[in-house]
Amino acid sequence: MPFIDYDLSLFSNKIDDHNVKETQYKIGANMGYFYNWVLGKKVNIAPSFALGLGGKFSSYKNIEDNGARTNAQYLTLRMEGGLHVGYNTDRFLFGGKMNFSAYAYNPRSDQTVQNNYVYGLLYIGYRFAPPKVVKNTYDKVQKKIPIL
């Protein structure tokens, strides 16, 4: 499945009594595979994996060059993936997911910058009964479209 990703990062710092700000914008085109297995009636497993190409655009004022604005553009390579496992009942749900993301670019021919992220999420939830207006509307739609 093709998809586009983007990221905007704003950095600010104070170096030798000078306020320094940098803006970085990344955009990329990716091709990924996402799948969802439903095991039985209550368990689901959803792995994913994607590769992509994109660009990174950076702009900042260089305090070493009398505040001259410096702009840079880089070609980026990116990879991401993850695994989500969940359990559902009519009222209770819980699960977890683990994702990774990595991208790299070459600011100079003799240098490569690589950023890697690994993060996880655990969740637990309870489903309350829907408000009557929502339930009535859903029931009307379900009568007209039984597949829901």
Protein backbone atom coordinates (compact mmCIF):
# COMPACT_ATOMS: atom_id res chain seq x y z
CA MET A 1 0.00 0.00 0.00
CA PRO A 2 1.55 3.34 -0.98
CA PHE A 3 1.45 6.21 1.51
CA ILE A 4 3.06 9.58 2.17
CA ASP A 5 4.61 10.61 5.47
CA TYR A 6 5.75 13.99 6.69
CA ASP A 7 7.38 15.49 9.76
CA LEU A 8 7.98 19.07 10.88
CA SER A 9 10.57 19.74 13.60
CA LEU A 10 11.32 23.13 15.13
CA PHE A 11 14.48 23.49 17.20
CA SER A 12 15.50 26.47 19.32
CA ASN A 13 18.61 26.90 21.44
CA LYS A 14 20.82 29.56 22.94
CA ILE A 15 24.51 29.42 21.97
CA ASP A 16 26.90 32.09 23.26
CA ASP A 17 24.05 34.54 23.96
CA HIS A 18 22.62 34.03 20.46
CA ASN A 19 19.17 32.58 19.93
CA VAL A 20 19.41 29.85 17.32
CA LYS A 21 16.36 28.40 15.54
CA GLU A 22 16.23 25.61 13.00
CA THR A 23 13.31 24.30 10.98
CA GLN A 24 13.41 20.79 9.52
CA TYR A 25 10.74 19.35 7.25
CA LYS A 26 10.75 15.75 6.02
CA ILE A 27 8.42 14.29 3.41
CA GLY A 28 8.55 10.84 1.85
CA ALA A 29 6.79 8.39 -0.44
CA ASN A 30 6.58 4.86 0.92
CA MET A 31 5.42 1.41 -0.06
CA GLY A 32 4.21 -0.71 2.81
CA TYR A 33 2.46 -3.93 3.70
CA PHE A 34 -0.14 -3.94 6.46
CA TYR A 35 -2.06 -7.03 7.47
CA ASN A 36 -4.65 -7.85 10.10
CA TRP A 37 -5.26 -11.41 11.26
CA VAL A 38 -8.31 -12.08 13.38
CA LEU A 39 -7.77 -15.24 15.42
CA GLY A 40 -11.01 -16.61 16.72
CA LYS A 41 -13.57 -14.01 17.73
CA LYS A 42 -11.49 -11.98 20.16
CA VAL A 43 -7.78 -11.84 19.25
CA ASN A 44 -6.18 -9.85 16.45
CA ILE A 45 -2.57 -9.57 15.27
CA ALA A 46 -1.49 -6.82 12.86
CA PRO A 47 2.08 -6.72 11.51
CA SER A 48 3.33 -3.96 9.20
CA PHE A 49 6.46 -3.08 7.22
CA ALA A 50 7.31 -0.19 4.87
CA LEU A 51 10.24 1.20 2.85
CA GLY A 52 10.46 4.68 1.37
CA LEU A 53 12.38 7.54 -0.21
CA GLY A 54 11.99 11.20 0.54
CA GLY A 55 13.58 14.52 1.22
CA LYS A 56 14.71 16.46 4.26
CA PHE A 57 14.75 20.24 4.09
CA SER A 58 16.53 22.26 6.76
CA SER A 59 16.83 26.01 7.31
CA TYR A 60 18.70 27.88 10.06
CA LYS A 61 20.68 31.05 10.76
CA ASN A 62 24.39 30.32 11.01
CA ILE A 63 25.79 32.36 13.94
CA GLU A 64 29.35 31.63 12.79
CA ASP A 65 28.62 33.39 9.47
CA ASN A 66 27.08 36.63 10.85
CA GLY A 67 23.58 35.15 10.97
CA ALA A 68 23.42 34.17 7.30
CA ARG A 69 20.54 31.82 6.54
CA THR A 70 21.68 28.33 5.59
CA ASN A 71 19.36 26.00 3.66
CA ALA A 72 20.04 22.32 3.06
CA GLN A 73 18.27 19.51 1.22
CA TYR A 74 18.98 15.80 1.58
CA LEU A 75 17.69 12.59 0.05
CA THR A 76 16.40 10.29 2.80
CA LEU A 77 15.89 6.53 2.96
CA ARG A 78 13.38 5.22 5.45
CA MET A 79 12.10 1.97 6.90
CA GLU A 80 9.41 1.31 9.48
CA GLY A 81 7.42 -1.58 10.86
CA GLY A 82 5.56 -2.88 13.82
CA LEU A 83 3.43 -5.50 15.47
CA HIS A 84 0.09 -4.96 17.19
CA VAL A 85 -1.61 -7.65 19.28
CA GLY A 86 -5.04 -7.08 20.81
CA TYR A 87 -7.87 -8.82 22.66
CA ASN A 88 -11.51 -7.66 22.48
CA THR A 89 -14.80 -8.56 24.11
CA ASP A 90 -18.09 -6.68 23.99
CA ARG A 91 -17.09 -4.57 27.02
CA PHE A 92 -13.35 -5.04 27.62
CA LEU A 93 -10.26 -4.61 25.44
CA PHE A 94 -6.50 -4.62 25.90
CA GLY A 95 -3.38 -5.04 23.86
CA GLY A 96 -0.01 -3.72 22.93
CA LYS A 97 2.03 -2.60 19.98
CA MET A 98 5.72 -2.26 19.24
CA ASN A 99 6.88 -0.05 16.37
CA PHE A 100 10.24 0.88 14.90
CA SER A 101 11.25 3.63 12.51
CA ALA A 102 14.63 4.31 10.91
CA TYR A 103 15.77 6.84 8.36
CA ALA A 104 19.16 7.90 7.03
CA TYR A 105 20.64 10.66 4.90
CA ASN A 106 24.11 11.83 3.81
CA PRO A 107 24.83 15.48 4.65
CA ARG A 108 28.30 15.04 3.09
CA SER A 109 29.87 12.32 0.99
CA ASP A 110 31.96 11.12 3.96
CA GLN A 111 29.16 11.26 6.54
CA THR A 112 25.85 9.45 7.14
CA VAL A 113 23.25 10.43 9.71
CA GLN A 114 20.90 7.69 10.87
CA ASN A 115 17.96 8.09 13.26
CA ASN A 116 16.34 5.00 14.78
CA TYR A 117 13.27 4.90 17.00
CA VAL A 118 11.69 1.99 18.83
CA TYR A 119 8.57 2.61 20.85
CA GLY A 120 5.76 0.66 22.39
CA LEU A 121 2.25 1.13 23.67
CA LEU A 122 0.14 -0.88 26.09
CA TYR A 123 -3.57 -0.17 26.41
CA ILE A 124 -6.56 -1.34 28.38
CA GLY A 125 -10.11 -0.14 27.94
CA TYR A 126 -13.74 -0.55 28.82
CA ARG A 127 -16.63 0.04 26.42
CA PHE A 128 -19.60 1.78 27.97
CA ALA A 129 -23.08 1.31 26.57
CA PRO A 130 -23.68 3.78 23.72
CA PRO A 131 -25.99 6.76 24.23
CA LYS A 132 -29.57 6.04 23.13
CA VAL A 133 -29.43 8.45 20.20
CA VAL A 134 -26.33 6.68 18.83
CA LYS A 135 -27.81 3.21 19.35
CA ASN A 136 -31.12 4.18 17.72
CA THR A 137 -29.34 5.71 14.71
CA TYR A 138 -27.11 2.64 14.35
CA ASP A 139 -30.12 0.31 14.56
CA LYS A 140 -31.92 2.28 11.80
CA VAL A 141 -28.87 2.15 9.54
CA GLN A 142 -28.36 -1.56 10.26
CA LYS A 143 -31.96 -2.30 9.21
CA LYS A 144 -31.30 -0.62 5.84
CA ILE A 145 -27.80 -2.08 5.43
CA PRO A 146 -27.84 -5.50 7.17
CA ILE A 147 -24.16 -6.22 6.48
CA LEU A 148 -23.19 -3.74 9.21
